[in-house]
Amino acid sequence: MNATIRRRALLGLAAAVFAASLPAASSAEDASPWQSEGHSAVRLLAGSRSGAVLLGGVAFQLQPGWKTYWRTPGDSGVPPRFDFSKSENVEAVTVLWPAPLMFDDGAGGHALGYHDKVVLPLRIVVKNADKPVILRANINYAVCNQICIPVDASAELPFTSVASTEDNALFAALDTVPKPANVGDPNPLTIRDVKREGPSDVVVDVVCPDKRDINLFVEGPTPDWSLPVPTLRQHGPPGVKRFSFPLDGVPPGVNPDGAALKLTLVGGEKAYEFNVNLN
């Protein structure tokens, strides 16, 4: 009994310390209040009000040791889900995803996501640039440590500032989103080739400028694909890091030939996104 009371007291103290550590909302009301729950907090950010396409963001703050997930969570995990349908004067919202980190999922696999804090930029298309804009979001996500906790949060925020106090944070987050690229581009960090090896394996050759750590992630054309995280082979051609992954997790009855895959290449502060067809 005493141990249970002490544990609850410690958890309550940790939550209070975490809540006190959250930055205050902008005085210009360019950020909604933090919604704190489940070892995390979330809020909306509004960029400057200019034109018919606006920049916003969803900011997550996580307690030490806790993580949340990328749009493709890896071998385990749950990707965040967003519903902006109750917004006012908003035609469409596109979530942009910063390059993820890779974690050991504790079960022999890898999870993809974020720790500490992250801002997911939002590209918001407005119906009428001369009318008020209010962004409303229902946000469903999971935070995990040794256990996973689902979180449901709601937030709303008007876009009113001609010069938002959150612009710097939003543009910094935008810089962490992988840039579009093509196989064979002459970037120092690039994918040189993607090819099949037998009926069930795919090989990806990566060129990088030094011995930095490189991660490669792959996504199928639809959410029901569940491809594994590519692994780095011990031996590859000179100057090339060779990754490979089996075509496991292809939906039943689907022929992978010609499928549109998305490859995300992350190395240091550089990240690129490649759309390829599986030949």
C-alpha atoms as a PDB file:
ATOM      1  CA  MET A   1       0.000   0.000   0.000  1.00  0.00           C
ATOM      2  CA  ASN A   2       2.727   2.475   1.013  1.00  0.00           C
ATOM      3  CA  ALA A   3       4.759   1.616  -2.106  1.00  0.00           C
ATOM      4  CA  THR A   4       1.705   2.266  -4.296  1.00  0.00           C
ATOM      5  CA  ILE A   5       1.087   5.630  -2.614  1.00  0.00           C
ATOM      6  CA  ARG A   6       4.739   6.628  -3.027  1.00  0.00           C
ATOM      7  CA  ARG A   7       4.674   5.626  -6.715  1.00  0.00           C
ATOM      8  CA  ARG A   8       1.529   7.683  -7.342  1.00  0.00           C
ATOM      9  CA  ALA A   9       3.089  10.630  -5.533  1.00  0.00           C
ATOM     10  CA  LEU A  10       6.221  10.391  -7.662  1.00  0.00           C
ATOM     11  CA  LEU A  11       4.170  10.200 -10.845  1.00  0.00           C
ATOM     12  CA  GLY A  12       2.154  13.222  -9.756  1.00  0.00           C
ATOM     13  CA  LEU A  13       5.339  15.143  -8.964  1.00  0.00           C
ATOM     14  CA  ALA A  14       6.842  14.227 -12.358  1.00  0.00           C
ATOM     15  CA  ALA A  15       3.682  15.420 -14.128  1.00  0.00           C
ATOM     16  CA  ALA A  16       3.733  18.694 -12.167  1.00  0.00           C
ATOM     17  CA  VAL A  17       7.407  19.294 -12.990  1.00  0.00           C
ATOM     18  CA  PHE A  18       6.741  18.508 -16.653  1.00  0.00           C
ATOM     19  CA  ALA A  19       3.772  20.897 -16.800  1.00  0.00           C
ATOM     20  CA  ALA A  20       5.838  23.649 -15.170  1.00  0.00           C
ATOM     21  CA  SER A  21       8.601  23.136 -17.757  1.00  0.00           C
ATOM     22  CA  LEU A  22       6.307  23.789 -20.735  1.00  0.00           C
ATOM     23  CA  PRO A  23       6.873  27.132 -22.468  1.00  0.00           C
ATOM     24  CA  ALA A  24       4.146  29.681 -21.906  1.00  0.00           C
ATOM     25  CA  ALA A  25       1.726  30.359 -24.755  1.00  0.00           C
ATOM     26  CA  SER A  26       2.669  33.275 -26.989  1.00  0.00           C
ATOM     27  CA  SER A  27       1.325  36.624 -25.797  1.00  0.00           C
ATOM     28  CA  ALA A  28       0.227  37.293 -29.367  1.00  0.00           C
ATOM     29  CA  GLU A  29      -1.945  34.165 -29.175  1.00  0.00           C
ATOM     30  CA  ASP A  30      -0.093  32.534 -32.033  1.00  0.00           C
ATOM     31  CA  ALA A  31      -0.136  29.239 -30.097  1.00  0.00           C
ATOM     32  CA  SER A  32      -3.002  27.418 -28.420  1.00  0.00           C
ATOM     33  CA  PRO A  33      -2.706  26.364 -24.761  1.00  0.00           C
ATOM     34  CA  TRP A  34      -0.793  23.157 -24.100  1.00  0.00           C
ATOM     35  CA  GLN A  35      -3.020  20.090 -23.729  1.00  0.00           C
ATOM     36  CA  SER A  36      -1.139  17.886 -21.240  1.00  0.00           C
ATOM     37  CA  GLU A  37      -1.887  14.205 -20.843  1.00  0.00           C
ATOM     38  CA  GLY A  38      -0.106  10.866 -20.873  1.00  0.00           C
ATOM     39  CA  HIS A  39       3.498  12.046 -20.291  1.00  0.00           C
ATOM     40  CA  SER A  40       3.174  14.507 -23.158  1.00  0.00           C
ATOM     41  CA  ALA A  41       1.635  17.786 -24.232  1.00  0.00           C
ATOM     42  CA  VAL A  42       0.424  19.072 -27.598  1.00  0.00           C
ATOM     43  CA  ARG A  43      -0.658  22.422 -29.034  1.00  0.00           C
ATOM     44  CA  LEU A  44      -1.251  24.192 -32.345  1.00  0.00           C
ATOM     45  CA  LEU A  45       0.968  26.941 -33.783  1.00  0.00           C
ATOM     46  CA  ALA A  46      -0.160  29.632 -36.216  1.00  0.00           C
ATOM     47  CA  GLY A  47       2.172  31.258 -38.718  1.00  0.00           C
ATOM     48  CA  SER A  48       1.731  34.685 -40.265  1.00  0.00           C
ATOM     49  CA  ARG A  49      -1.602  35.414 -41.934  1.00  0.00           C
ATOM     50  CA  SER A  50      -0.779  36.112 -45.563  1.00  0.00           C
ATOM     51  CA  GLY A  51      -2.450  34.813 -48.725  1.00  0.00           C
ATOM     52  CA  ALA A  52      -4.447  31.659 -49.327  1.00  0.00           C
ATOM     53  CA  VAL A  53      -1.788  29.160 -48.193  1.00  0.00           C
ATOM     54  CA  LEU A  54      -0.753  29.376 -44.537  1.00  0.00           C
ATOM     55  CA  LEU A  55       1.930  27.676 -42.466  1.00  0.00           C
ATOM     56  CA  GLY A  56       0.920  26.215 -39.131  1.00  0.00           C
ATOM     57  CA  GLY A  57       2.147  23.442 -36.891  1.00  0.00           C
ATOM     58  CA  VAL A  58       1.385  20.778 -34.308  1.00  0.00           C
ATOM     59  CA  ALA A  59       3.905  20.930 -31.448  1.00  0.00           C
ATOM     60  CA  PHE A  60       4.547  17.921 -29.212  1.00  0.00           C
ATOM     61  CA  GLN A  61       6.442  18.011 -25.928  1.00  0.00           C
ATOM     62  CA  LEU A  62       7.424  14.658 -24.365  1.00  0.00           C
ATOM     63  CA  GLN A  63       8.647  13.754 -20.918  1.00  0.00           C
ATOM     64  CA  PRO A  64      12.236  12.371 -20.760  1.00  0.00           C
ATOM     65  CA  GLY A  65      12.362   8.748 -21.877  1.00  0.00           C
ATOM     66  CA  TRP A  66       9.069   8.900 -23.785  1.00  0.00           C
ATOM     67  CA  LYS A  67       8.610   8.941 -27.551  1.00  0.00           C
ATOM     68  CA  THR A  68       5.898   9.287 -30.147  1.00  0.00           C
ATOM     69  CA  TYR A  69       5.732   8.051 -33.722  1.00  0.00           C
ATOM     70  CA  TRP A  70       6.339   9.056 -37.331  1.00  0.00           C
ATOM     71  CA  ARG A  71       3.688   8.610 -40.045  1.00  0.00           C
ATOM     72  CA  THR A  72       5.106   5.068 -40.505  1.00  0.00           C
ATOM     73  CA  PRO A  73       5.952   3.772 -37.024  1.00  0.00           C
ATOM     74  CA  GLY A  74       8.339   0.984 -38.034  1.00  0.00           C
ATOM     75  CA  ASP A  75       8.098  -2.521 -36.617  1.00  0.00           C
ATOM     76  CA  SER A  76       5.817  -1.374 -33.810  1.00  0.00           C
ATOM     77  CA  GLY A  77       3.889   1.682 -32.703  1.00  0.00           C
ATOM     78  CA  VAL A  78       0.916   3.768 -33.748  1.00  0.00           C
ATOM     79  CA  PRO A  79       1.176   6.761 -36.114  1.00  0.00           C
ATOM     80  CA  PRO A  80      -0.520  10.027 -35.106  1.00  0.00           C
ATOM     81  CA  ARG A  81      -3.900  10.755 -36.668  1.00  0.00           C
ATOM     82  CA  PHE A  82      -5.324  14.229 -37.282  1.00  0.00           C
ATOM     83  CA  ASP A  83      -8.840  15.445 -38.028  1.00  0.00           C
ATOM     84  CA  PHE A  84      -9.123  19.076 -39.155  1.00  0.00           C
ATOM     85  CA  SER A  85     -12.640  18.769 -40.564  1.00  0.00           C
ATOM     86  CA  LYS A  86     -14.208  21.152 -38.011  1.00  0.00           C
ATOM     87  CA  SER A  87     -11.930  24.045 -38.965  1.00  0.00           C
ATOM     88  CA  GLU A  88     -13.441  27.241 -40.337  1.00  0.00           C
ATOM     89  CA  ASN A  89     -12.593  28.631 -43.790  1.00  0.00           C
ATOM     90  CA  VAL A  90     -10.077  25.838 -44.404  1.00  0.00           C
ATOM     91  CA  GLU A  91     -10.055  23.909 -47.685  1.00  0.00           C
ATOM     92  CA  ALA A  92      -7.298  21.387 -46.898  1.00  0.00           C
ATOM     93  CA  VAL A  93      -4.539  20.663 -44.389  1.00  0.00           C
ATOM     94  CA  THR A  94      -1.383  18.694 -45.233  1.00  0.00           C
ATOM     95  CA  VAL A  95       0.807  17.398 -42.406  1.00  0.00           C
ATOM     96  CA  LEU A  96       4.532  17.604 -43.177  1.00  0.00           C
ATOM     97  CA  TRP A  97       6.780  15.175 -41.314  1.00  0.00           C
ATOM     98  CA  PRO A  98      10.292  15.958 -40.031  1.00  0.00           C
ATOM     99  CA  ALA A  99      12.828  13.180 -40.557  1.00  0.00           C
ATOM    100  CA  PRO A 100      12.329  10.552 -37.830  1.00  0.00           C
ATOM    101  CA  LEU A 101      14.768   8.932 -35.444  1.00  0.00           C
ATOM    102  CA  MET A 102      15.099   5.166 -35.110  1.00  0.00           C
ATOM    103  CA  PHE A 103      14.646   3.452 -31.734  1.00  0.00           C
ATOM    104  CA  ASP A 104      14.968  -0.091 -30.446  1.00  0.00           C
ATOM    105  CA  ASP A 105      11.364  -1.127 -29.864  1.00  0.00           C
ATOM    106  CA  GLY A 106      12.272  -3.579 -27.086  1.00  0.00           C
ATOM    107  CA  ALA A 107      11.038  -6.573 -29.076  1.00  0.00           C
ATOM    108  CA  GLY A 108      13.926  -7.057 -31.480  1.00  0.00           C
ATOM    109  CA  GLY A 109      12.711  -4.520 -34.029  1.00  0.00           C
ATOM    110  CA  HIS A 110      12.874  -0.804 -34.662  1.00  0.00           C
ATOM    111  CA  ALA A 111      10.385   1.997 -34.101  1.00  0.00           C
ATOM    112  CA  LEU A 112      10.479   5.329 -35.945  1.00  0.00           C
ATOM    113  CA  GLY A 113       9.544   8.591 -34.316  1.00  0.00           C
ATOM    114  CA  TYR A 114      10.545  11.471 -32.062  1.00  0.00           C
ATOM    115  CA  HIS A 115      11.565  12.196 -28.480  1.00  0.00           C
ATOM    116  CA  ASP A 116      11.760  15.342 -26.319  1.00  0.00           C
ATOM    117  CA  LYS A 117       9.944  17.717 -28.670  1.00  0.00           C
ATOM    118  CA  VAL A 118       8.945  18.035 -32.301  1.00  0.00           C
ATOM    119  CA  VAL A 119       6.892  20.378 -34.470  1.00  0.00           C
ATOM    120  CA  LEU A 120       4.994  18.906 -37.419  1.00  0.00           C
ATOM    121  CA  PRO A 121       4.489  21.720 -39.954  1.00  0.00           C
ATOM    122  CA  LEU A 122       1.042  22.119 -41.517  1.00  0.00           C
ATOM    123  CA  ARG A 123       0.354  23.421 -45.020  1.00  0.00           C
ATOM    124  CA  ILE A 124      -3.096  25.006 -44.782  1.00  0.00           C
ATOM    125  CA  VAL A 125      -5.088  25.959 -47.871  1.00  0.00           C
ATOM    126  CA  VAL A 126      -7.690  28.631 -47.090  1.00  0.00           C
ATOM    127  CA  LYS A 127     -11.054  28.853 -48.842  1.00  0.00           C
ATOM    128  CA  ASN A 128     -11.256  32.665 -48.751  1.00  0.00           C
ATOM    129  CA  ALA A 129      -8.131  34.690 -47.922  1.00  0.00           C
ATOM    130  CA  ASP A 130     -10.254  37.681 -46.811  1.00  0.00           C
ATOM    131  CA  LYS A 131     -12.262  35.820 -44.156  1.00  0.00           C
ATOM    132  CA  PRO A 132     -11.286  34.642 -40.639  1.00  0.00           C
ATOM    133  CA  VAL A 133      -9.471  31.310 -40.335  1.00  0.00           C
ATOM    134  CA  ILE A 134      -9.819  29.035 -37.315  1.00  0.00           C
ATOM    135  CA  LEU A 135      -7.901  25.761 -37.245  1.00  0.00           C
ATOM    136  CA  ARG A 136      -9.502  23.029 -35.149  1.00  0.00           C
ATOM    137  CA  ALA A 137      -7.777  19.692 -34.655  1.00  0.00           C
ATOM    138  CA  ASN A 138      -8.599  16.371 -33.058  1.00  0.00           C
ATOM    139  CA  ILE A 139      -5.259  14.677 -32.460  1.00  0.00           C
ATOM    140  CA  ASN A 140      -4.876  10.974 -31.663  1.00  0.00           C
ATOM    141  CA  TYR A 141      -1.388   9.709 -30.910  1.00  0.00           C
ATOM    142  CA  ALA A 142       0.548   7.321 -28.684  1.00  0.00           C
ATOM    143  CA  VAL A 143       3.440   7.926 -26.315  1.00  0.00           C
ATOM    144  CA  CYS A 144       5.652   5.012 -25.364  1.00  0.00           C
ATOM    145  CA  ASN A 145       8.337   4.160 -22.879  1.00  0.00           C
ATOM    146  CA  GLN A 146       8.203   0.588 -21.614  1.00  0.00           C
ATOM    147  CA  ILE A 147       4.447   0.798 -22.148  1.00  0.00           C
ATOM    148  CA  CYS A 148       2.378   2.692 -24.711  1.00  0.00           C
ATOM    149  CA  ILE A 149      -0.378   5.118 -23.778  1.00  0.00           C
ATOM    150  CA  PRO A 150      -2.959   6.379 -26.283  1.00  0.00           C
ATOM    151  CA  VAL A 151      -3.743  10.088 -26.123  1.00  0.00           C
ATOM    152  CA  ASP A 152      -6.728  11.995 -27.527  1.00  0.00           C
ATOM    153  CA  ALA A 153      -6.449  15.774 -27.607  1.00  0.00           C
ATOM    154  CA  SER A 154      -8.384  18.651 -29.156  1.00  0.00           C
ATOM    155  CA  ALA A 155      -7.181  22.176 -29.881  1.00  0.00           C
ATOM    156  CA  GLU A 156      -8.241  25.229 -31.832  1.00  0.00           C
ATOM    157  CA  LEU A 157      -6.438  28.366 -32.904  1.00  0.00           C
ATOM    158  CA  PRO A 158      -7.347  31.402 -35.057  1.00  0.00           C
ATOM    159  CA  PHE A 159      -4.841  32.742 -37.565  1.00  0.00           C
ATOM    160  CA  THR A 160      -4.787  36.486 -36.896  1.00  0.00           C
ATOM    161  CA  SER A 161      -1.211  37.789 -36.872  1.00  0.00           C
ATOM    162  CA  VAL A 162       0.289  39.556 -39.867  1.00  0.00           C
ATOM    163  CA  ALA A 163       3.695  38.704 -38.363  1.00  0.00           C
ATOM    164  CA  SER A 164       3.436  35.651 -36.099  1.00  0.00           C
ATOM    165  CA  THR A 165       5.769  35.123 -33.159  1.00  0.00           C
ATOM    166  CA  GLU A 166       5.875  31.429 -34.135  1.00  0.00           C
ATOM    167  CA  ASP A 167       7.270  31.970 -37.649  1.00  0.00           C
ATOM    168  CA  ASN A 168      10.868  31.167 -36.651  1.00  0.00           C
ATOM    169  CA  ALA A 169       9.865  27.920 -34.945  1.00  0.00           C
ATOM    170  CA  LEU A 170       7.717  26.901 -37.912  1.00  0.00           C
ATOM    171  CA  PHE A 171      10.404  27.619 -40.506  1.00  0.00           C
ATOM    172  CA  ALA A 172      12.968  25.754 -38.396  1.00  0.00           C
ATOM    173  CA  ALA A 173      10.615  22.750 -38.320  1.00  0.00           C
ATOM    174  CA  LEU A 174      10.091  23.036 -42.074  1.00  0.00           C
ATOM    175  CA  ASP A 175      13.866  22.751 -42.561  1.00  0.00           C
ATOM    176  CA  THR A 176      13.800  19.320 -40.887  1.00  0.00           C
ATOM    177  CA  VAL A 177      11.290  17.898 -43.384  1.00  0.00           C
ATOM    178  CA  PRO A 178      13.071  15.697 -45.993  1.00  0.00           C
ATOM    179  CA  LYS A 179      13.573  17.448 -49.332  1.00  0.00           C
ATOM    180  CA  PRO A 180      12.282  15.881 -52.572  1.00  0.00           C
ATOM    181  CA  ALA A 181      15.018  14.201 -54.612  1.00  0.00           C
ATOM    182  CA  ASN A 182      15.517  11.800 -57.503  1.00  0.00           C
ATOM    183  CA  VAL A 183      17.616   8.644 -57.664  1.00  0.00           C
ATOM    184  CA  GLY A 184      21.031   9.567 -59.070  1.00  0.00           C
ATOM    185  CA  ASP A 185      20.884  13.255 -58.095  1.00  0.00           C
ATOM    186  CA  PRO A 186      24.395  14.706 -57.651  1.00  0.00           C
ATOM    187  CA  ASN A 187      23.864  15.569 -53.985  1.00  0.00           C
ATOM    188  CA  PRO A 188      26.665  14.509 -51.605  1.00  0.00           C
ATOM    189  CA  LEU A 189      24.051  12.342 -49.860  1.00  0.00           C
ATOM    190  CA  THR A 190      21.908  10.490 -52.375  1.00  0.00           C
ATOM    191  CA  ILE A 191      20.500   7.173 -53.547  1.00  0.00           C
ATOM    192  CA  ARG A 192      22.469   5.931 -56.522  1.00  0.00           C
ATOM    193  CA  ASP A 193      20.432   2.859 -57.427  1.00  0.00           C
ATOM    194  CA  VAL A 194      17.403   0.798 -56.432  1.00  0.00           C
ATOM    195  CA  LYS A 195      17.103  -2.739 -57.781  1.00  0.00           C
ATOM    196  CA  ARG A 196      15.506  -6.112 -57.148  1.00  0.00           C
ATOM    197  CA  GLU A 197      17.653  -9.005 -55.980  1.00  0.00           C
ATOM    198  CA  GLY A 198      15.746 -12.151 -56.667  1.00  0.00           C
ATOM    199  CA  PRO A 199      11.962 -12.252 -56.308  1.00  0.00           C
ATOM    200  CA  SER A 200      11.714 -11.027 -52.731  1.00  0.00           C
ATOM    201  CA  ASP A 201      14.547  -8.619 -51.881  1.00  0.00           C
ATOM    202  CA  VAL A 202      15.232  -4.977 -52.740  1.00  0.00           C
ATOM    203  CA  VAL A 203      18.723  -3.452 -52.690  1.00  0.00           C
ATOM    204  CA  VAL A 204      19.338   0.288 -52.302  1.00  0.00           C
ATOM    205  CA  ASP A 205      22.788   1.803 -52.908  1.00  0.00           C
ATOM    206  CA  VAL A 206      23.478   5.029 -51.014  1.00  0.00           C
ATOM    207  CA  VAL A 207      26.331   7.464 -51.612  1.00  0.00           C
ATOM    208  CA  CYS A 208      27.351   9.661 -48.684  1.00  0.00           C
ATOM    209  CA  PRO A 209      30.224  12.138 -48.226  1.00  0.00           C
ATOM    210  CA  ASP A 210      31.824  10.566 -45.140  1.00  0.00           C
ATOM    211  CA  LYS A 211      31.411   7.890 -42.510  1.00  0.00           C
ATOM    212  CA  ARG A 212      28.386   9.496 -40.904  1.00  0.00           C
ATOM    213  CA  ASP A 213      25.537   7.305 -39.705  1.00  0.00           C
ATOM    214  CA  ILE A 214      22.896   6.849 -42.390  1.00  0.00           C
ATOM    215  CA  ASN A 215      19.343   5.622 -41.953  1.00  0.00           C
ATOM    216  CA  LEU A 216      16.985   4.536 -44.708  1.00  0.00           C
ATOM    217  CA  PHE A 217      13.231   4.038 -44.363  1.00  0.00           C
ATOM    218  CA  VAL A 218      10.756   2.636 -46.876  1.00  0.00           C
ATOM    219  CA  GLU A 219       6.988   3.016 -47.253  1.00  0.00           C
ATOM    220  CA  GLY A 220       4.574   1.297 -49.577  1.00  0.00           C
ATOM    221  CA  PRO A 221       1.998   2.984 -51.818  1.00  0.00           C
ATOM    222  CA  THR A 222      -0.874   2.524 -49.323  1.00  0.00           C
ATOM    223  CA  PRO A 223      -1.077   2.314 -45.502  1.00  0.00           C
ATOM    224  CA  ASP A 224      -1.826  -1.432 -45.586  1.00  0.00           C
ATOM    225  CA  TRP A 225       1.734  -2.091 -46.753  1.00  0.00           C
ATOM    226  CA  SER A 226       4.038  -2.849 -43.821  1.00  0.00           C
ATOM    227  CA  LEU A 227       7.565  -3.080 -45.199  1.00  0.00           C
ATOM    228  CA  PRO A 228      10.455  -3.683 -42.763  1.00  0.00           C
ATOM    229  CA  VAL A 229      13.120  -1.093 -41.963  1.00  0.00           C
ATOM    230  CA  PRO A 230      16.014  -1.570 -44.456  1.00  0.00           C
ATOM    231  CA  THR A 231      19.222  -2.954 -42.953  1.00  0.00           C
ATOM    232  CA  LEU A 232      22.790  -1.968 -43.806  1.00  0.00           C
ATOM    233  CA  ARG A 233      24.816  -4.792 -45.320  1.00  0.00           C
ATOM    234  CA  GLN A 234      28.328  -5.413 -44.040  1.00  0.00           C
ATOM    235  CA  HIS A 235      29.877  -5.368 -47.503  1.00  0.00           C
ATOM    236  CA  GLY A 236      29.049  -3.179 -50.489  1.00  0.00           C
ATOM    237  CA  PRO A 237      30.767  -1.557 -53.467  1.00  0.00           C
ATOM    238  CA  PRO A 238      33.554   0.970 -52.675  1.00  0.00           C
ATOM    239  CA  GLY A 239      32.154   4.333 -51.587  1.00  0.00           C
ATOM    240  CA  VAL A 240      28.635   2.925 -51.303  1.00  0.00           C
ATOM    241  CA  LYS A 241      26.483   1.946 -48.336  1.00  0.00           C
ATOM    242  CA  ARG A 242      24.241  -0.888 -49.462  1.00  0.00           C
ATOM    243  CA  PHE A 243      20.893  -1.371 -47.767  1.00  0.00           C
ATOM    244  CA  SER A 244      18.408  -4.151 -48.379  1.00  0.00           C
ATOM    245  CA  PHE A 245      14.956  -5.210 -47.263  1.00  0.00           C
ATOM    246  CA  PRO A 246      12.699  -8.158 -48.046  1.00  0.00           C
ATOM    247  CA  LEU A 247       9.296  -7.636 -49.583  1.00  0.00           C
ATOM    248  CA  ASP A 248       7.584  -8.690 -46.381  1.00  0.00           C
ATOM    249  CA  GLY A 249       4.382  -6.969 -45.354  1.00  0.00           C
ATOM    250  CA  VAL A 250       2.971  -6.654 -48.878  1.00  0.00           C
ATOM    251  CA  PRO A 251      -0.848  -6.937 -48.672  1.00  0.00           C
ATOM    252  CA  PRO A 252      -2.173 -10.413 -49.546  1.00  0.00           C
ATOM    253  CA  GLY A 253      -2.856 -10.876 -53.237  1.00  0.00           C
ATOM    254  CA  VAL A 254      -0.938  -7.731 -54.261  1.00  0.00           C
ATOM    255  CA  ASN A 255       1.781  -8.001 -56.919  1.00  0.00           C
ATOM    256  CA  PRO A 256       4.635  -5.660 -55.876  1.00  0.00           C
ATOM    257  CA  ASP A 257       5.954  -5.285 -59.434  1.00  0.00           C
ATOM    258  CA  GLY A 258       5.848  -1.613 -60.407  1.00  0.00           C
ATOM    259  CA  ALA A 259       4.658  -0.507 -56.952  1.00  0.00           C
ATOM    260  CA  ALA A 260       5.318   3.124 -55.993  1.00  0.00           C
ATOM    261  CA  LEU A 261       7.623   3.183 -52.974  1.00  0.00           C
ATOM    262  CA  LYS A 262       8.742   6.148 -50.901  1.00  0.00           C
ATOM    263  CA  LEU A 263      12.326   6.030 -49.605  1.00  0.00           C
ATOM    264  CA  THR A 264      13.457   8.455 -46.898  1.00  0.00           C
ATOM    265  CA  LEU A 265      17.222   8.874 -46.538  1.00  0.00           C
ATOM    266  CA  VAL A 266      18.532  10.527 -43.364  1.00  0.00           C
ATOM    267  CA  GLY A 267      22.150  11.413 -42.661  1.00  0.00           C
ATOM    268  CA  GLY A 268      23.167  13.988 -40.063  1.00  0.00           C
ATOM    269  CA  GLU A 269      21.171  17.170 -40.645  1.00  0.00           C
ATOM    270  CA  LYS A 270      20.363  16.226 -44.244  1.00  0.00           C
ATOM    271  CA  ALA A 271      17.298  14.229 -45.267  1.00  0.00           C
ATOM    272  CA  TYR A 272      15.814  13.462 -48.683  1.00  0.00           C
ATOM    273  CA  GLU A 273      12.682  11.738 -49.941  1.00  0.00           C
ATOM    274  CA  PHE A 274      12.669   9.625 -53.106  1.00  0.00           C
ATOM    275  CA  ASN A 275       9.655   8.277 -54.972  1.00  0.00           C
ATOM    276  CA  VAL A 276      10.556   5.168 -56.965  1.00  0.00           C
ATOM    277  CA  ASN A 277       8.759   2.408 -58.840  1.00  0.00           C
ATOM    278  CA  LEU A 278       9.729  -1.138 -57.951  1.00  0.00           C
ATOM    279  CA  ASN A 279      11.021  -2.699 -61.144  1.00  0.00           C
END
